[in-house]
Amino acid sequence: MRCVIARYPFELTKEGVLASMEGVTPEFVTGESVTIGRRRYPVKQVGQVITRQDRRDFTSGEIVRAMTRLGFTCHAQPEAAPADAPTPFQNASALLGGTATTEM
């Protein structure tokens, strides 16, 4: 499939994207993401790998459109933590035996 990312034409295939992302460890997802294989990658990371361009040169929307056209599943936001999940402060407090305070 031919697509334009950051004003440059690319000929992308699903197999090519799978091969490019093989062995790449996913970064922490904070925004839009795409599922490739069994892993969920930030779209900017995928764009950087498949285009070999700096992440500032393209938008996440360009990558989302290309990945969707190739048949990959894209996600708008990361999955939210459960409502009853402890906050980092609560975790630290529990590790310190409940002695953590908010005063500095």
Protein backbone atom coordinates (compact mmCIF):
# COMPACT_ATOMS: atom_id res chain seq x y z
CA MET A 1 0.00 0.00 0.00
CA ARG A 2 1.34 3.40 -0.93
CA CYS A 3 0.98 6.14 1.68
CA VAL A 4 2.54 9.52 2.44
CA ILE A 5 3.98 10.14 5.90
CA ALA A 6 5.64 13.47 6.68
CA ARG A 7 5.50 14.40 2.97
CA TYR A 8 7.49 11.28 1.97
CA PRO A 9 5.95 8.39 0.02
CA PHE A 10 6.21 4.88 1.50
CA GLU A 11 5.22 1.50 0.13
CA LEU A 12 4.03 -0.39 3.22
CA THR A 13 2.80 -3.95 3.59
CA LYS A 14 1.41 -5.72 6.62
CA GLU A 15 4.18 -8.33 6.38
CA GLY A 16 6.81 -5.58 6.15
CA VAL A 17 5.51 -3.86 9.28
CA LEU A 18 5.42 -7.18 11.16
CA ALA A 19 9.01 -7.90 10.10
CA SER A 20 10.19 -4.39 11.06
CA MET A 21 8.61 -4.57 14.52
CA GLU A 22 9.86 -8.11 15.24
CA GLY A 23 12.17 -8.02 18.24
CA VAL A 24 11.30 -4.39 19.11
CA THR A 25 10.34 -3.98 22.77
CA PRO A 26 7.22 -1.81 23.19
CA GLU A 27 7.66 1.45 25.05
CA PHE A 28 5.23 2.57 27.74
CA VAL A 29 1.92 3.56 26.08
CA THR A 30 0.65 7.00 27.09
CA GLY A 31 -1.48 7.93 24.08
CA GLU A 32 -2.54 6.40 20.80
CA SER A 33 -1.30 2.88 20.20
CA VAL A 34 -1.42 0.04 17.69
CA THR A 35 -1.53 -3.71 18.26
CA ILE A 36 1.07 -5.54 16.18
CA GLY A 37 1.18 -9.26 16.75
CA ARG A 38 0.42 -9.71 20.43
CA ARG A 39 2.04 -6.46 21.53
CA ARG A 40 0.70 -2.93 21.86
CA TYR A 41 3.08 -0.19 20.69
CA PRO A 42 2.84 3.62 20.84
CA VAL A 43 2.10 4.83 17.29
CA LYS A 44 5.06 7.22 17.36
CA GLN A 45 7.41 4.30 18.10
CA VAL A 46 5.96 2.31 15.19
CA GLY A 47 6.25 5.31 12.89
CA GLN A 48 9.88 5.83 13.82
CA VAL A 49 10.75 2.19 13.17
CA ILE A 50 8.93 1.78 9.85
CA THR A 51 9.87 5.18 8.35
CA ARG A 52 13.30 5.66 9.98
CA GLN A 53 12.30 9.28 10.61
CA ASP A 54 12.42 11.35 13.78
CA ARG A 55 9.16 11.22 15.73
CA ARG A 56 8.77 14.98 15.45
CA ASP A 57 8.57 14.73 11.64
CA PHE A 58 5.19 12.99 11.46
CA THR A 59 1.90 13.00 13.33
CA SER A 60 0.37 10.08 15.16
CA GLY A 61 -2.70 10.49 12.93
CA GLU A 62 -0.64 9.71 9.82
CA ILE A 63 0.58 6.45 11.38
CA VAL A 64 -2.88 5.53 12.70
CA ARG A 65 -4.39 5.96 9.21
CA ALA A 66 -1.65 3.86 7.60
CA MET A 67 -1.84 1.08 10.21
CA THR A 68 -5.65 0.98 10.02
CA ARG A 69 -5.52 0.67 6.21
CA LEU A 70 -3.07 -2.22 6.59
CA GLY A 71 -5.49 -4.00 8.94
CA PHE A 72 -3.89 -3.39 12.33
CA THR A 73 -6.02 -2.48 15.35
CA CYS A 74 -5.42 1.04 16.63
CA HIS A 75 -6.40 2.34 20.07
CA ALA A 76 -7.17 5.95 20.99
CA GLN A 77 -5.99 5.82 24.62
CA PRO A 78 -4.16 3.43 26.93
CA GLU A 79 -6.29 1.17 29.04
CA ALA A 80 -7.14 2.83 32.35
CA ALA A 81 -5.96 1.35 35.63
CA PRO A 82 -8.70 -0.21 37.75
CA ALA A 83 -10.44 2.29 40.04
CA ASP A 84 -9.37 0.39 43.15
CA ALA A 85 -5.69 0.28 42.14
CA PRO A 86 -3.43 1.94 44.73
CA THR A 87 -1.70 5.18 43.83
CA PRO A 88 2.12 5.39 43.89
CA PHE A 89 1.87 7.29 47.20
CA GLN A 90 -0.27 4.53 48.71
CA ASN A 91 2.25 1.92 47.52
CA ALA A 92 5.14 3.83 49.09
CA SER A 93 3.20 4.33 52.30
CA ALA A 94 2.47 0.61 52.53
CA LEU A 95 6.13 -0.25 51.96
CA LEU A 96 7.18 2.15 54.73
CA GLY A 97 4.65 0.70 57.14
CA GLY A 98 2.17 3.55 56.83
CA THR A 99 4.64 6.23 58.00
CA ALA A 100 4.78 8.26 54.77
CA THR A 101 3.50 11.82 55.14
CA THR A 102 2.63 14.56 52.69
CA GLU A 103 4.57 17.25 54.63
CA MET A 104 7.92 18.41 53.29
